[in-house]
C-alpha atoms as a PDB file:
ATOM      1  CA  UNK A   1      -0.053   0.037  -0.111  1.00  0.00           C
ATOM      2  CA  UNK A   2       1.377   3.469  -0.966  1.00  0.00           C
ATOM      3  CA  UNK A   3       1.346   5.912   1.911  1.00  0.00           C
ATOM      4  CA  UNK A   4      -0.195   9.145   0.536  1.00  0.00           C
ATOM      5  CA  UNK A   5       0.089  11.430   3.651  1.00  0.00           C
ATOM      6  CA  UNK A   6       1.605  11.593   7.054  1.00  0.00           C
ATOM      7  CA  UNK A   7      -1.864  11.219   8.519  1.00  0.00           C
ATOM      8  CA  UNK A   8      -2.250   7.969   6.579  1.00  0.00           C
ATOM      9  CA  UNK A   9       0.822   6.695   8.006  1.00  0.00           C
ATOM     10  CA  UNK A  10       0.104   7.586  11.604  1.00  0.00           C
ATOM     11  CA  UNK A  11      -3.443   6.190  11.281  1.00  0.00           C
ATOM     12  CA  UNK A  12      -1.983   2.873  10.050  1.00  0.00           C
ATOM     13  CA  UNK A  13       0.610   2.691  12.599  1.00  0.00           C
ATOM     14  CA  UNK A  14      -1.880   3.286  15.363  1.00  0.00           C
ATOM     15  CA  UNK A  15      -4.521   1.035  14.198  1.00  0.00           C
ATOM     16  CA  UNK A  16      -2.796  -1.933  12.507  1.00  0.00           C
ATOM     17  CA  UNK A  17      -2.728  -5.266  14.515  1.00  0.00           C
ATOM     18  CA  UNK A  18      -0.258  -6.808  11.945  1.00  0.00           C
ATOM     19  CA  UNK A  19       3.385  -6.318  11.814  1.00  0.00           C
ATOM     20  CA  UNK A  20       4.157  -3.262   9.465  1.00  0.00           C
ATOM     21  CA  UNK A  21       7.044  -3.667   6.883  1.00  0.00           C
ATOM     22  CA  UNK A  22       7.693  -0.288   5.455  1.00  0.00           C
ATOM     23  CA  UNK A  23       9.769   0.474   2.418  1.00  0.00           C
ATOM     24  CA  UNK A  24      11.207   3.925   2.153  1.00  0.00           C
ATOM     25  CA  UNK A  25      12.168   4.560  -1.356  1.00  0.00           C
ATOM     26  CA  UNK A  26      12.292   6.994  -4.434  1.00  0.00           C
ATOM     27  CA  UNK A  27      11.600   6.576  -8.098  1.00  0.00           C
ATOM     28  CA  UNK A  28      15.226   7.558  -9.071  1.00  0.00           C
ATOM     29  CA  UNK A  29      16.796   5.119  -6.744  1.00  0.00           C
ATOM     30  CA  UNK A  30      18.382   2.099  -8.599  1.00  0.00           C
ATOM     31  CA  UNK A  31      18.515  -0.364  -5.644  1.00  0.00           C
ATOM     32  CA  UNK A  32      14.889   0.685  -4.801  1.00  0.00           C
ATOM     33  CA  UNK A  33      13.732  -0.386  -8.213  1.00  0.00           C
ATOM     34  CA  UNK A  34      15.556  -3.712  -7.828  1.00  0.00           C
ATOM     35  CA  UNK A  35      14.083  -4.328  -4.498  1.00  0.00           C
ATOM     36  CA  UNK A  36      10.456  -3.502  -5.605  1.00  0.00           C
ATOM     37  CA  UNK A  37       9.656  -7.021  -7.199  1.00  0.00           C
ATOM     38  CA  UNK A  38      10.747  -8.813  -4.066  1.00  0.00           C
ATOM     39  CA  UNK A  39       8.874  -6.411  -1.783  1.00  0.00           C
ATOM     40  CA  UNK A  40       5.762  -7.093  -3.887  1.00  0.00           C
ATOM     41  CA  UNK A  41       6.180 -10.731  -3.873  1.00  0.00           C
ATOM     42  CA  UNK A  42       6.593 -10.654   0.053  1.00  0.00           C
ATOM     43  CA  UNK A  43       3.573  -8.562   0.445  1.00  0.00           C
ATOM     44  CA  UNK A  44       1.525 -11.145  -1.482  1.00  0.00           C
ATOM     45  CA  UNK A  45       3.095 -14.180   0.390  1.00  0.00           C
ATOM     46  CA  UNK A  46       2.771 -12.699   3.964  1.00  0.00           C
ATOM     47  CA  UNK A  47      -0.294 -10.577   3.547  1.00  0.00           C
ATOM     48  CA  UNK A  48      -2.123 -12.652   6.316  1.00  0.00           C
ATOM     49  CA  UNK A  49       0.324 -11.606   8.965  1.00  0.00           C
ATOM     50  CA  UNK A  50       1.988  -8.382   7.689  1.00  0.00           C
ATOM     51  CA  UNK A  51       1.001  -5.235   6.218  1.00  0.00           C
ATOM     52  CA  UNK A  52       3.412  -3.641   3.538  1.00  0.00           C
ATOM     53  CA  UNK A  53       3.611  -0.056   3.133  1.00  0.00           C
ATOM     54  CA  UNK A  54       5.581   1.941   0.648  1.00  0.00           C
ATOM     55  CA  UNK A  55       6.649   5.576   1.198  1.00  0.00           C
ATOM     56  CA  UNK A  56       8.059   7.653  -1.633  1.00  0.00           C
ATOM     57  CA  UNK A  57      10.427   9.952   0.101  1.00  0.00           C
ATOM     58  CA  UNK A  58      10.329  12.477  -2.625  1.00  0.00           C
ATOM     59  CA  UNK A  59       6.541  12.851  -2.017  1.00  0.00           C
ATOM     60  CA  UNK A  60       6.659  12.704   1.712  1.00  0.00           C
ATOM     61  CA  UNK A  61      10.310  14.070   2.755  1.00  0.00           C
ATOM     62  CA  UNK A  62       8.885  15.233   6.086  1.00  0.00           C
ATOM     63  CA  UNK A  63       7.841  11.619   6.976  1.00  0.00           C
ATOM     64  CA  UNK A  64      11.269  10.268   6.046  1.00  0.00           C
ATOM     65  CA  UNK A  65      12.932  12.757   8.223  1.00  0.00           C
ATOM     66  CA  UNK A  66      10.802  12.080  11.230  1.00  0.00           C
ATOM     67  CA  UNK A  67      11.536   8.351  10.812  1.00  0.00           C
ATOM     68  CA  UNK A  68      15.241   8.968  10.459  1.00  0.00           C
ATOM     69  CA  UNK A  69      15.691   7.757   6.944  1.00  0.00           C
ATOM     70  CA  UNK A  70      19.195   8.574   5.801  1.00  0.00           C
ATOM     71  CA  UNK A  71      19.802   6.346   2.833  1.00  0.00           C
ATOM     72  CA  UNK A  72      17.593   4.616   0.359  1.00  0.00           C
ATOM     73  CA  UNK A  73      16.088   2.065   0.360  1.00  0.00           C
ATOM     74  CA  UNK A  74      15.402   1.865   4.012  1.00  0.00           C
ATOM     75  CA  UNK A  75      13.106  -0.791   5.611  1.00  0.00           C
ATOM     76  CA  UNK A  76      11.345  -0.305   8.931  1.00  0.00           C
ATOM     77  CA  UNK A  77       9.395  -2.850  10.960  1.00  0.00           C
ATOM     78  CA  UNK A  78       6.647  -1.532  13.313  1.00  0.00           C
ATOM     79  CA  UNK A  79       4.495  -3.598  15.680  1.00  0.00           C
ATOM     80  CA  UNK A  80       1.854  -2.270  18.131  1.00  0.00           C
ATOM     81  CA  UNK A  81       2.841   1.354  17.152  1.00  0.00           C
ATOM     82  CA  UNK A  82       6.534   0.723  17.947  1.00  0.00           C
ATOM     83  CA  UNK A  83       9.445   0.419  15.757  1.00  0.00           C
ATOM     84  CA  UNK A  84      11.327  -2.796  16.107  1.00  0.00           C
ATOM     85  CA  UNK A  85      15.075  -2.741  16.012  1.00  0.00           C
ATOM     86  CA  UNK A  86      16.755  -5.921  15.162  1.00  0.00           C
END
């Protein structure tokens, strides 16, 4: 699911019972483009237990900044409203 706004993102984080897998990317990013098919495949395989979100950092630079995204692609995992650090 493409995140369209910061409020969409916050609403999903605050209400989802599933593990959120978030892909921070940009259209111009070569590695992001290479990861895209795998991210899509994983979203289809694990859709019963995870919710996959895509954030275009060019469209939502404020959100990327708030989440500490420093390079692309960046992946974040959130469960029960809290980021999971592995």
